[in-house]
Amino acid sequence: MLVDIILLIACLLVLSVFWFEHFRPHRKKAVRVNCVNNVRQVALAYRIWAGDNGDLYPMEVFTNSAGRPAFTDTNGAWRYFQVMSNELSTPRLLVCPQDFGRRAATNFTTDLDNQKLSYFIGLSARCDTTNLLLAGDRNLVANSARAGNQLSIGVNESIHWTEDIHRFQGNVALTDGSVLSLGPSTPANWFGSNNWLLFP
C-alpha cells in the first residue's frame, strides 16, 4: 500500500514537471503574441484614422490654442483612443492580456477611462515620420522622470521596462505601423530625435 502511494506521488510529480516544461511556456508566449497583436491593431487604427483625417493623428488634430495636443491632463489619454472607436472596433484591444492591473472597458462612451488602458500615446508622433513612438506598453520608463503622466525622452537616454506586465520587456508601435518587442534596455535614439509620451 505504501509503495502504491509513493508510486502515485512520483507519477504526479513527473506529470507536473512535464506539464510545466511543455505547456506553460507556450501559454506565456501566446499571451505575449496577443499583446503584440493588440498593439499592432492600435497602430493600424491610428493609420486608418489618419488616412481619413488629412494624414494627421488625433494628437495633431485635437490641439489647444498653442497648437499642442489638447488632452494631456492626468485623465486625458483615453480621449485619443475614444476618437478612434470606429477603427478599433472594441475597447478590449486597449488592454494587454498580461496587464492584470487593468480591465477592459465595456464600451467607448460611458465606460472608457485611463484605468482601462494598457498603452501610452506618442504625442509627438507624426504620419510623415517613420520611427517615432506611436503607442506601447504603459510600463515603459526612461532615465528622465515622468512629469505627472507625461514623459519626454531625449536621444541620449535609454528606455527600460518595469517588472509589471511582461517582466522587464515591452511592446511598442512606431509611426510607420511596425511593432517591436523590446528587451530590458533600448537606446532612445532608435526612435527619432525626441519622443513626448502620455501615459494612462
N, C-alpha and C. Protein backbone atom coordinates (compact mmCIF):
# COMPACT_ATOMS: atom_id res chain seq x y z
N MET A 1 0.82 -1.20 0.00
CA MET A 1 0.00 0.00 0.00
C MET A 1 0.86 1.26 0.00
N LEU A 2 1.89 1.29 0.83
CA LEU A 2 2.79 2.42 0.90
C LEU A 2 3.55 2.60 -0.41
N VAL A 3 3.94 1.49 -1.03
CA VAL A 3 4.64 1.55 -2.31
C VAL A 3 3.73 2.15 -3.38
N ASP A 4 2.45 1.78 -3.36
CA ASP A 4 1.48 2.33 -4.33
C ASP A 4 1.34 3.84 -4.17
N ILE A 5 1.29 4.30 -2.94
CA ILE A 5 1.16 5.74 -2.68
C ILE A 5 2.40 6.48 -3.16
N ILE A 6 3.58 5.91 -2.89
CA ILE A 6 4.83 6.54 -3.33
C ILE A 6 4.90 6.58 -4.86
N LEU A 7 4.48 5.50 -5.51
CA LEU A 7 4.46 5.48 -6.98
C LEU A 7 3.48 6.51 -7.54
N LEU A 8 2.33 6.65 -6.90
CA LEU A 8 1.34 7.63 -7.34
C LEU A 8 1.88 9.05 -7.21
N ILE A 9 2.52 9.33 -6.09
CA ILE A 9 3.11 10.67 -5.88
C ILE A 9 4.20 10.92 -6.91
N ALA A 10 5.03 9.91 -7.16
CA ALA A 10 6.11 10.06 -8.15
C ALA A 10 5.54 10.33 -9.54
N CYS A 11 4.47 9.62 -9.90
CA CYS A 11 3.83 9.84 -11.20
C CYS A 11 3.27 11.25 -11.31
N LEU A 12 2.63 11.72 -10.23
CA LEU A 12 2.08 13.07 -10.23
C LEU A 12 3.17 14.11 -10.37
N LEU A 13 4.30 13.89 -9.71
CA LEU A 13 5.44 14.80 -9.82
C LEU A 13 5.97 14.85 -11.24
N VAL A 14 6.14 13.69 -11.85
CA VAL A 14 6.63 13.63 -13.23
C VAL A 14 5.66 14.34 -14.17
N LEU A 15 4.36 14.11 -13.99
CA LEU A 15 3.35 14.76 -14.83
C LEU A 15 3.36 16.27 -14.65
N SER A 16 3.51 16.74 -13.42
CA SER A 16 3.51 18.19 -13.19
C SER A 16 4.74 18.84 -13.82
N VAL A 17 5.90 18.19 -13.71
CA VAL A 17 7.11 18.72 -14.35
C VAL A 17 6.93 18.71 -15.87
N PHE A 18 6.38 17.64 -16.41
CA PHE A 18 6.12 17.57 -17.85
C PHE A 18 5.20 18.69 -18.30
N TRP A 19 4.13 18.92 -17.55
CA TRP A 19 3.18 19.99 -17.90
C TRP A 19 3.86 21.34 -17.88
N PHE A 20 4.62 21.60 -16.82
CA PHE A 20 5.28 22.90 -16.69
C PHE A 20 6.26 23.13 -17.83
N GLU A 21 7.05 22.11 -18.15
CA GLU A 21 8.07 22.25 -19.17
C GLU A 21 7.50 22.37 -20.58
N HIS A 22 6.35 21.76 -20.82
CA HIS A 22 5.85 21.69 -22.18
C HIS A 22 4.66 22.59 -22.50
N PHE A 23 3.88 22.96 -21.51
CA PHE A 23 2.67 23.73 -21.81
C PHE A 23 2.71 25.15 -21.29
N ARG A 24 3.24 25.39 -20.11
CA ARG A 24 3.23 26.73 -19.54
C ARG A 24 4.00 27.74 -20.39
N PRO A 25 5.22 27.43 -20.87
CA PRO A 25 5.92 28.41 -21.72
C PRO A 25 5.13 28.78 -22.96
N HIS A 26 4.41 27.84 -23.53
CA HIS A 26 3.61 28.13 -24.72
C HIS A 26 2.48 29.10 -24.39
N ARG A 27 1.90 28.93 -23.20
CA ARG A 27 0.84 29.85 -22.80
C ARG A 27 1.37 31.26 -22.64
N LYS A 28 2.55 31.40 -22.00
CA LYS A 28 3.14 32.72 -21.83
C LYS A 28 3.45 33.35 -23.19
N LYS A 29 3.97 32.53 -24.10
CA LYS A 29 4.27 33.03 -25.44
C LYS A 29 2.99 33.44 -26.16
N ALA A 30 1.93 32.67 -26.01
CA ALA A 30 0.65 33.01 -26.65
C ALA A 30 0.10 34.32 -26.11
N VAL A 31 0.22 34.55 -24.80
CA VAL A 31 -0.26 35.81 -24.22
C VAL A 31 0.55 36.97 -24.77
N ARG A 32 1.87 36.80 -24.88
CA ARG A 32 2.72 37.86 -25.43
C ARG A 32 2.34 38.15 -26.88
N VAL A 33 2.06 37.11 -27.65
CA VAL A 33 1.63 37.30 -29.04
C VAL A 33 0.31 38.06 -29.09
N ASN A 34 -0.60 37.78 -28.18
CA ASN A 34 -1.87 38.51 -28.12
C ASN A 34 -1.63 39.99 -27.84
N CYS A 35 -0.70 40.30 -26.95
CA CYS A 35 -0.40 41.69 -26.65
C CYS A 35 0.20 42.39 -27.87
N VAL A 36 1.14 41.73 -28.54
CA VAL A 36 1.72 42.29 -29.76
C VAL A 36 0.63 42.55 -30.79
N ASN A 37 -0.31 41.62 -30.91
CA ASN A 37 -1.41 41.79 -31.84
C ASN A 37 -2.27 43.00 -31.46
N ASN A 38 -2.53 43.18 -30.16
CA ASN A 38 -3.31 44.35 -29.72
C ASN A 38 -2.60 45.65 -30.11
N VAL A 39 -1.29 45.72 -29.85
CA VAL A 39 -0.53 46.92 -30.18
C VAL A 39 -0.54 47.13 -31.70
N ARG A 40 -0.44 46.06 -32.46
CA ARG A 40 -0.49 46.17 -33.92
C ARG A 40 -1.86 46.71 -34.38
N GLN A 41 -2.94 46.24 -33.75
CA GLN A 41 -4.28 46.73 -34.09
C GLN A 41 -4.44 48.21 -33.74
N VAL A 42 -3.85 48.62 -32.62
CA VAL A 42 -3.88 50.03 -32.23
C VAL A 42 -3.14 50.87 -33.27
N ALA A 43 -1.96 50.41 -33.69
CA ALA A 43 -1.18 51.14 -34.71
C ALA A 43 -1.96 51.23 -36.02
N LEU A 44 -2.61 50.15 -36.41
CA LEU A 44 -3.41 50.15 -37.63
C LEU A 44 -4.58 51.12 -37.51
N ALA A 45 -5.21 51.17 -36.35
CA ALA A 45 -6.32 52.11 -36.13
C ALA A 45 -5.85 53.55 -36.29
N TYR A 46 -4.67 53.86 -35.74
CA TYR A 46 -4.10 55.21 -35.93
C TYR A 46 -3.92 55.52 -37.40
N ARG A 47 -3.35 54.58 -38.15
CA ARG A 47 -3.08 54.82 -39.57
C ARG A 47 -4.37 55.02 -40.37
N ILE A 48 -5.38 54.19 -40.08
CA ILE A 48 -6.66 54.32 -40.80
C ILE A 48 -7.30 55.65 -40.45
N TRP A 49 -7.31 56.01 -39.17
CA TRP A 49 -7.91 57.27 -38.73
C TRP A 49 -7.21 58.44 -39.41
N ALA A 50 -5.88 58.40 -39.44
CA ALA A 50 -5.12 59.47 -40.08
C ALA A 50 -5.45 59.55 -41.58
N GLY A 51 -5.62 58.39 -42.23
CA GLY A 51 -5.96 58.38 -43.64
C GLY A 51 -7.28 59.09 -43.94
N ASP A 52 -8.19 59.05 -42.98
CA ASP A 52 -9.47 59.73 -43.14
C ASP A 52 -9.46 61.17 -42.64
N ASN A 53 -8.33 61.61 -42.07
CA ASN A 53 -8.27 62.94 -41.46
C ASN A 53 -7.01 63.71 -41.88
N GLY A 54 -6.78 63.73 -43.18
CA GLY A 54 -5.69 64.54 -43.72
C GLY A 54 -4.30 64.09 -43.33
N ASP A 55 -4.12 62.80 -43.11
CA ASP A 55 -2.83 62.24 -42.68
C ASP A 55 -2.34 62.85 -41.38
N LEU A 56 -3.27 63.08 -40.48
CA LEU A 56 -2.95 63.59 -39.14
C LEU A 56 -3.47 62.61 -38.09
N TYR A 57 -2.66 62.37 -37.08
CA TYR A 57 -3.10 61.55 -35.95
C TYR A 57 -4.00 62.38 -35.04
N PRO A 58 -4.78 61.75 -34.19
CA PRO A 58 -5.66 62.51 -33.27
C PRO A 58 -4.89 63.54 -32.44
N MET A 59 -3.64 63.24 -32.07
CA MET A 59 -2.86 64.16 -31.26
C MET A 59 -2.54 65.44 -32.03
N GLU A 60 -2.53 65.37 -33.37
CA GLU A 60 -2.27 66.55 -34.20
C GLU A 60 -3.54 67.33 -34.49
N VAL A 61 -4.67 66.64 -34.49
CA VAL A 61 -5.95 67.29 -34.81
C VAL A 61 -6.53 67.99 -33.60
N PHE A 62 -6.55 67.31 -32.47
CA PHE A 62 -7.15 67.88 -31.25
C PHE A 62 -6.07 68.61 -30.47
N THR A 63 -5.97 69.92 -30.73
CA THR A 63 -4.92 70.73 -30.12
C THR A 63 -5.52 71.92 -29.37
N ASN A 64 -4.71 72.52 -28.52
CA ASN A 64 -5.14 73.71 -27.79
C ASN A 64 -4.76 74.96 -28.57
N SER A 65 -4.95 76.13 -27.98
CA SER A 65 -4.69 77.39 -28.70
C SER A 65 -3.21 77.56 -29.05
N ALA A 66 -2.34 76.87 -28.33
CA ALA A 66 -0.90 76.95 -28.62
C ALA A 66 -0.47 75.92 -29.66
N GLY A 67 -1.44 75.14 -30.17
CA GLY A 67 -1.12 74.13 -31.17
C GLY A 67 -0.54 72.85 -30.59
N ARG A 68 -0.62 72.69 -29.27
CA ARG A 68 -0.12 71.49 -28.60
C ARG A 68 -1.28 70.51 -28.41
N PRO A 69 -0.99 69.21 -28.27
CA PRO A 69 -2.07 68.25 -28.04
C PRO A 69 -2.97 68.67 -26.88
N ALA A 70 -4.27 68.56 -27.07
CA ALA A 70 -5.23 69.11 -26.11
C ALA A 70 -5.43 68.25 -24.86
N PHE A 71 -5.36 66.96 -24.99
CA PHE A 71 -5.73 66.08 -23.87
C PHE A 71 -4.51 65.53 -23.15
N THR A 72 -3.73 66.40 -22.55
CA THR A 72 -2.51 65.96 -21.86
C THR A 72 -2.65 66.01 -20.35
N ASP A 73 -3.85 66.31 -19.84
CA ASP A 73 -4.05 66.32 -18.40
C ASP A 73 -3.96 64.89 -17.86
N THR A 74 -3.99 64.76 -16.55
CA THR A 74 -3.75 63.44 -15.95
C THR A 74 -4.80 62.40 -16.30
N ASN A 75 -5.96 62.82 -16.77
CA ASN A 75 -7.01 61.86 -17.11
C ASN A 75 -7.37 61.89 -18.59
N GLY A 76 -6.50 62.42 -19.45
CA GLY A 76 -6.89 62.65 -20.83
C GLY A 76 -6.50 61.61 -21.86
N ALA A 77 -5.64 60.66 -21.53
CA ALA A 77 -5.14 59.73 -22.54
C ALA A 77 -6.25 58.97 -23.27
N TRP A 78 -7.27 58.56 -22.56
CA TRP A 78 -8.33 57.75 -23.15
C TRP A 78 -9.05 58.46 -24.29
N ARG A 79 -9.06 59.80 -24.26
CA ARG A 79 -9.79 60.54 -25.30
C ARG A 79 -9.21 60.30 -26.69
N TYR A 80 -7.89 60.12 -26.78
CA TYR A 80 -7.28 59.87 -28.09
C TYR A 80 -7.70 58.52 -28.65
N PHE A 81 -7.90 57.55 -27.78
CA PHE A 81 -8.39 56.25 -28.24
C PHE A 81 -9.89 56.29 -28.53
N GLN A 82 -10.62 57.08 -27.76
CA GLN A 82 -12.06 57.16 -27.96
C GLN A 82 -12.40 57.69 -29.36
N VAL A 83 -11.66 58.68 -29.86
CA VAL A 83 -11.98 59.22 -31.18
C VAL A 83 -11.73 58.20 -32.29
N MET A 84 -10.96 57.16 -31.98
CA MET A 84 -10.69 56.11 -32.98
C MET A 84 -11.57 54.89 -32.77
N SER A 85 -12.70 55.06 -32.09
CA SER A 85 -13.54 53.90 -31.76
C SER A 85 -14.01 53.13 -33.00
N ASN A 86 -14.29 53.82 -34.08
CA ASN A 86 -14.72 53.11 -35.30
C ASN A 86 -13.60 52.25 -35.87
N GLU A 87 -12.37 52.71 -35.75
CA GLU A 87 -11.23 51.96 -36.28
C GLU A 87 -10.80 50.82 -35.34
N LEU A 88 -11.00 51.00 -34.06
CA LEU A 88 -10.59 49.99 -33.09
C LEU A 88 -11.59 48.84 -32.95
N SER A 89 -12.84 49.11 -33.17
CA SER A 89 -13.95 48.14 -33.12
C SER A 89 -14.31 47.65 -31.72
N THR A 90 -13.35 47.45 -30.82
CA THR A 90 -13.67 47.01 -29.47
C THR A 90 -12.67 47.60 -28.48
N PRO A 91 -13.12 48.05 -27.30
CA PRO A 91 -12.19 48.58 -26.30
C PRO A 91 -11.29 47.51 -25.68
N ARG A 92 -11.57 46.25 -25.95
CA ARG A 92 -10.73 45.17 -25.42
C ARG A 92 -9.31 45.24 -25.98
N LEU A 93 -9.16 45.82 -27.17
CA LEU A 93 -7.83 45.96 -27.76
C LEU A 93 -6.93 46.90 -26.97
N LEU A 94 -7.51 47.71 -26.11
CA LEU A 94 -6.75 48.72 -25.38
C LEU A 94 -6.15 48.22 -24.08
N VAL A 95 -6.39 46.94 -23.76
CA VAL A 95 -5.82 46.34 -22.54
C VAL A 95 -5.02 45.11 -22.92
N CYS A 96 -3.77 45.09 -22.49
CA CYS A 96 -2.92 43.94 -22.72
C CYS A 96 -3.42 42.75 -21.90
N PRO A 97 -3.49 41.56 -22.47
CA PRO A 97 -3.95 40.39 -21.72
C PRO A 97 -3.08 40.08 -20.50
N GLN A 98 -1.84 40.56 -20.50
CA GLN A 98 -0.93 40.31 -19.39
C GLN A 98 -0.96 41.43 -18.34
N ASP A 99 -1.71 42.48 -18.60
CA ASP A 99 -1.79 43.63 -17.67
C ASP A 99 -2.90 43.37 -16.66
N PHE A 100 -2.56 42.68 -15.59
CA PHE A 100 -3.56 42.27 -14.61
C PHE A 100 -4.05 43.42 -13.75
N GLY A 101 -3.40 44.58 -13.84
CA GLY A 101 -3.83 45.75 -13.10
C GLY A 101 -4.92 46.54 -13.80
N ARG A 102 -5.27 46.15 -15.01
CA ARG A 102 -6.29 46.87 -15.79
C ARG A 102 -7.32 45.89 -16.32
N ARG A 103 -8.54 46.38 -16.47
CA ARG A 103 -9.59 45.58 -17.11
C ARG A 103 -10.14 46.38 -18.28
N ALA A 104 -10.61 45.69 -19.27
CA ALA A 104 -11.10 46.35 -20.49
C ALA A 104 -12.41 47.06 -20.23
N ALA A 105 -12.59 48.17 -20.90
CA ALA A 105 -13.87 48.89 -20.86
C ALA A 105 -14.92 48.08 -21.61
N THR A 106 -16.17 48.28 -21.26
CA THR A 106 -17.26 47.60 -21.96
C THR A 106 -17.72 48.36 -23.19
N ASN A 107 -17.40 49.65 -23.26
CA ASN A 107 -17.78 50.46 -24.42
C ASN A 107 -16.87 51.68 -24.51
N PHE A 108 -16.97 52.41 -25.61
CA PHE A 108 -16.12 53.58 -25.83
C PHE A 108 -16.74 54.88 -25.30
N THR A 109 -17.97 54.84 -24.85
CA THR A 109 -18.64 56.09 -24.48
C THR A 109 -18.68 56.33 -22.98
N THR A 110 -19.34 55.46 -22.22
CA THR A 110 -19.54 55.72 -20.80
C THR A 110 -18.58 54.98 -19.89
N ASP A 111 -17.85 54.00 -20.40
CA ASP A 111 -17.02 53.16 -19.54
C ASP A 111 -15.52 53.33 -19.76
N LEU A 112 -15.11 54.04 -20.79
CA LEU A 112 -13.69 54.16 -21.09
C LEU A 112 -13.06 55.29 -20.28
N ASP A 113 -11.93 54.99 -19.63
CA ASP A 113 -11.13 55.99 -18.93
C ASP A 113 -9.69 55.50 -18.87
N ASN A 114 -8.81 56.28 -18.25
CA ASN A 114 -7.39 55.91 -18.22
C ASN A 114 -7.13 54.58 -17.53
N GLN A 115 -7.97 54.20 -16.58
CA GLN A 115 -7.76 52.95 -15.85
C GLN A 115 -8.10 51.72 -16.70
N LYS A 116 -8.60 51.94 -17.90
CA LYS A 116 -8.95 50.84 -18.80
C LYS A 116 -8.05 50.84 -20.03
N LEU A 117 -6.84 51.37 -19.85
CA LEU A 117 -5.84 51.41 -20.92
C LEU A 117 -4.54 50.77 -20.46
N SER A 118 -3.89 50.03 -21.35
CA SER A 118 -2.57 49.48 -21.07
C SER A 118 -1.46 50.18 -21.84
N TYR A 119 -1.83 51.09 -22.75
CA TYR A 119 -0.85 51.62 -23.68
C TYR A 119 -0.70 53.13 -23.59
N PHE A 120 0.57 53.58 -23.69
CA PHE A 120 0.84 55.01 -23.74
C PHE A 120 0.55 55.55 -25.13
N ILE A 121 0.56 56.88 -25.26
CA ILE A 121 0.32 57.56 -26.52
C ILE A 121 1.53 58.41 -26.86
N GLY A 122 2.01 58.31 -28.07
CA GLY A 122 3.12 59.13 -28.53
C GLY A 122 2.61 60.47 -29.01
N LEU A 123 2.68 61.49 -28.16
CA LEU A 123 2.14 62.81 -28.51
C LEU A 123 2.91 63.48 -29.63
N SER A 124 4.17 63.13 -29.83
CA SER A 124 4.96 63.75 -30.89
C SER A 124 4.91 62.95 -32.19
N ALA A 125 4.13 61.89 -32.24
CA ALA A 125 4.04 61.05 -33.45
C ALA A 125 3.42 61.82 -34.61
N ARG A 126 3.99 61.62 -35.78
CA ARG A 126 3.51 62.26 -37.00
C ARG A 126 3.51 61.22 -38.12
N CYS A 127 2.56 61.31 -39.02
CA CYS A 127 2.47 60.37 -40.15
C CYS A 127 3.66 60.46 -41.09
N ASP A 128 4.29 61.63 -41.16
CA ASP A 128 5.38 61.80 -42.11
C ASP A 128 6.73 61.39 -41.53
N THR A 129 6.73 60.76 -40.36
CA THR A 129 7.95 60.22 -39.78
C THR A 129 7.85 58.69 -39.76
N THR A 130 8.98 58.02 -39.65
CA THR A 130 8.93 56.56 -39.73
C THR A 130 9.23 55.86 -38.42
N ASN A 131 9.91 56.50 -37.50
CA ASN A 131 10.34 55.74 -36.34
C ASN A 131 10.06 56.37 -34.98
N LEU A 132 9.14 57.32 -34.90
CA LEU A 132 8.75 57.86 -33.59
C LEU A 132 7.82 56.87 -32.89
N LEU A 133 7.81 56.93 -31.58
CA LEU A 133 6.92 56.05 -30.81
C LEU A 133 5.48 56.53 -30.95
N LEU A 134 4.60 55.61 -31.33
CA LEU A 134 3.19 55.90 -31.52
C LEU A 134 2.37 55.41 -30.32
N ALA A 135 2.67 54.22 -29.83
CA ALA A 135 1.97 53.63 -28.69
C ALA A 135 2.83 52.50 -28.15
N GLY A 136 2.51 52.03 -26.94
CA GLY A 136 3.25 50.91 -26.37
C GLY A 136 2.82 50.62 -24.96
N ASP A 137 3.37 49.56 -24.40
CA ASP A 137 3.02 49.15 -23.04
C ASP A 137 3.33 50.25 -22.04
N ARG A 138 2.42 50.43 -21.09
CA ARG A 138 2.49 51.55 -20.15
C ARG A 138 3.57 51.42 -19.09
N ASN A 139 4.26 50.28 -19.03
CA ASN A 139 5.29 50.11 -18.01
C ASN A 139 6.67 50.55 -18.50
N LEU A 140 6.71 51.42 -19.51
CA LEU A 140 7.96 51.96 -20.01
C LEU A 140 8.45 53.07 -19.09
N VAL A 141 9.75 53.08 -18.83
CA VAL A 141 10.39 54.16 -18.07
C VAL A 141 11.66 54.56 -18.81
N ALA A 142 12.21 55.71 -18.43
CA ALA A 142 13.43 56.20 -19.06
C ALA A 142 14.34 56.79 -18.00
N ASN A 143 15.51 57.26 -18.43
CA ASN A 143 16.44 57.89 -17.49
C ASN A 143 15.81 59.12 -16.85
N SER A 144 15.07 59.90 -17.65
CA SER A 144 14.39 61.08 -17.10
C SER A 144 13.11 60.65 -16.42
N ALA A 145 12.68 61.43 -15.46
CA ALA A 145 11.47 61.10 -14.69
C ALA A 145 10.23 61.62 -15.40
N ARG A 146 9.12 60.97 -15.15
CA ARG A 146 7.83 61.45 -15.67
C ARG A 146 7.43 62.73 -14.95
N ALA A 147 6.82 63.62 -15.69
CA ALA A 147 6.21 64.81 -15.12
C ALA A 147 4.71 64.55 -15.12
N GLY A 148 4.20 64.10 -13.99
CA GLY A 148 2.80 63.67 -13.94
C GLY A 148 2.64 62.42 -14.77
N ASN A 149 1.80 62.50 -15.80
CA ASN A 149 1.58 61.35 -16.66
C ASN A 149 2.30 61.51 -18.01
N GLN A 150 3.24 62.45 -18.09
CA GLN A 150 3.96 62.71 -19.33
C GLN A 150 5.44 62.39 -19.16
N LEU A 151 6.06 61.99 -20.26
CA LEU A 151 7.48 61.68 -20.26
C LEU A 151 8.08 62.16 -21.57
N SER A 152 9.12 62.96 -21.48
CA SER A 152 9.85 63.40 -22.66
C SER A 152 11.19 62.68 -22.67
N ILE A 153 11.47 61.95 -23.75
CA ILE A 153 12.67 61.12 -23.83
C ILE A 153 13.63 61.74 -24.85
N GLY A 154 14.80 62.11 -24.40
CA GLY A 154 15.82 62.66 -25.28
C GLY A 154 16.63 61.56 -25.96
N VAL A 155 17.40 61.95 -26.97
CA VAL A 155 18.14 60.97 -27.78
C VAL A 155 19.27 60.29 -27.02
N ASN A 156 19.80 60.91 -25.98
CA ASN A 156 20.92 60.32 -25.25
C ASN A 156 20.48 59.43 -24.10
N GLU A 157 19.21 59.18 -23.99
CA GLU A 157 18.69 58.34 -22.91
C GLU A 157 18.49 56.91 -23.40
N SER A 158 18.10 56.06 -22.48
CA SER A 158 17.65 54.72 -22.86
C SER A 158 16.32 54.47 -22.19
N ILE A 159 15.53 53.62 -22.80
CA ILE A 159 14.24 53.28 -22.21
C ILE A 159 14.32 51.89 -21.61
N HIS A 160 13.54 51.67 -20.58
CA HIS A 160 13.54 50.41 -19.85
C HIS A 160 12.09 50.01 -19.61
N TRP A 161 11.89 48.81 -19.12
CA TRP A 161 10.57 48.32 -18.79
C TRP A 161 10.58 47.86 -17.34
N THR A 162 9.53 48.16 -16.61
CA THR A 162 9.43 47.68 -15.24
C THR A 162 9.03 46.21 -15.25
N GLU A 163 8.99 45.63 -14.08
CA GLU A 163 8.64 44.22 -13.96
C GLU A 163 7.18 43.95 -14.33
N ASP A 164 6.33 44.96 -14.19
CA ASP A 164 4.91 44.80 -14.49
C ASP A 164 4.70 44.35 -15.93
N ILE A 165 3.62 43.72 -16.18
CA ILE A 165 3.12 43.29 -17.49
C ILE A 165 3.98 42.19 -18.10
N HIS A 166 5.14 42.50 -18.71
CA HIS A 166 5.93 41.48 -19.41
C HIS A 166 7.30 41.23 -18.77
N ARG A 167 7.43 41.51 -17.52
CA ARG A 167 8.68 41.26 -16.77
C ARG A 167 9.91 41.82 -17.48
N PHE A 168 10.04 43.14 -17.40
CA PHE A 168 11.20 43.87 -17.92
C PHE A 168 11.30 43.83 -19.44
N GLN A 169 10.20 43.58 -20.10
CA GLN A 169 10.12 43.66 -21.56
C GLN A 169 8.89 44.46 -21.93
N GLY A 170 8.77 44.85 -23.20
CA GLY A 170 7.61 45.59 -23.62
C GLY A 170 7.46 45.63 -25.12
N ASN A 171 6.32 46.12 -25.57
CA ASN A 171 6.00 46.23 -26.99
C ASN A 171 5.73 47.68 -27.32
N VAL A 172 6.19 48.11 -28.49
CA VAL A 172 5.92 49.47 -28.96
C VAL A 172 5.48 49.42 -30.42
N ALA A 173 4.63 50.38 -30.78
CA ALA A 173 4.25 50.60 -32.18
C ALA A 173 4.93 51.88 -32.63
N LEU A 174 5.45 51.87 -33.84
CA LEU A 174 6.11 53.04 -34.40
C LEU A 174 5.20 53.71 -35.42
N THR A 175 5.55 54.93 -35.79
CA THR A 175 4.70 55.70 -36.70
C THR A 175 4.61 55.11 -38.10
N ASP A 176 5.50 54.20 -38.45
CA ASP A 176 5.38 53.54 -39.76
C ASP A 176 4.44 52.33 -39.70
N GLY A 177 3.87 52.07 -38.51
CA GLY A 177 2.93 50.95 -38.34
C GLY A 177 3.58 49.67 -37.86
N SER A 178 4.90 49.64 -37.77
CA SER A 178 5.57 48.42 -37.29
C SER A 178 5.46 48.31 -35.78
N VAL A 179 5.59 47.09 -35.29
CA VAL A 179 5.53 46.80 -33.85
C VAL A 179 6.78 46.04 -33.46
N LEU A 180 7.42 46.47 -32.37
CA LEU A 180 8.63 45.84 -31.88
C LEU A 180 8.43 45.30 -30.47
N SER A 181 8.98 44.14 -30.20
CA SER A 181 9.05 43.61 -28.84
C SER A 181 10.47 43.86 -28.36
N LEU A 182 10.60 44.60 -27.26
CA LEU A 182 11.90 45.05 -26.81
C LEU A 182 12.28 44.43 -25.47
N GLY A 183 13.57 44.29 -25.26
CA GLY A 183 14.10 43.75 -24.03
C GLY A 183 14.28 44.81 -22.96
N PRO A 184 15.08 44.50 -21.94
CA PRO A 184 15.18 45.35 -20.76
C PRO A 184 15.67 46.78 -21.00
N SER A 185 16.54 47.02 -21.98
CA SER A 185 17.07 48.37 -22.18
C SER A 185 17.28 48.61 -23.66
N THR A 186 16.83 49.78 -24.14
CA THR A 186 16.93 50.12 -25.55
C THR A 186 17.33 51.58 -25.67
N PRO A 187 18.33 51.92 -26.51
CA PRO A 187 18.69 53.32 -26.70
C PRO A 187 17.53 54.11 -27.28
N ALA A 188 17.24 55.26 -26.70
CA ALA A 188 16.11 56.07 -27.18
C ALA A 188 16.34 56.60 -28.58
N ASN A 189 17.63 56.73 -29.00
CA ASN A 189 17.87 57.28 -30.34
C ASN A 189 17.45 56.34 -31.46
N TRP A 190 17.01 55.13 -31.12
CA TRP A 190 16.38 54.26 -32.12
C TRP A 190 15.07 54.88 -32.61
N PHE A 191 14.49 55.76 -31.80
CA PHE A 191 13.13 56.24 -32.06
C PHE A 191 13.09 57.74 -32.33
N GLY A 192 13.93 58.20 -33.23
CA GLY A 192 13.89 59.60 -33.62
C GLY A 192 14.58 60.50 -32.62
N SER A 193 14.42 61.80 -32.85
CA SER A 193 15.17 62.78 -32.06
C SER A 193 14.57 63.06 -30.69
N ASN A 194 13.27 62.96 -30.56
CA ASN A 194 12.64 63.22 -29.26
C ASN A 194 11.23 62.63 -29.27
N ASN A 195 10.87 62.01 -28.16
CA ASN A 195 9.53 61.43 -28.03
C ASN A 195 8.87 61.99 -26.78
N TRP A 196 7.67 62.49 -26.98
CA TRP A 196 6.87 63.03 -25.88
C TRP A 196 5.69 62.07 -25.70
N LEU A 197 5.64 61.41 -24.55
CA LEU A 197 4.66 60.33 -24.34
C LEU A 197 3.66 60.71 -23.26
N LEU A 198 2.44 60.24 -23.43
CA LEU A 198 1.35 60.43 -22.48
C LEU A 198 0.92 59.07 -21.96
N PHE A 199 0.94 58.91 -20.64
CA PHE A 199 0.61 57.62 -20.02
C PHE A 199 -0.77 57.65 -19.38
N PRO A 200 -1.46 56.51 -19.43
CA PRO A 200 -2.80 56.45 -18.79
C PRO A 200 -2.68 56.36 -17.27
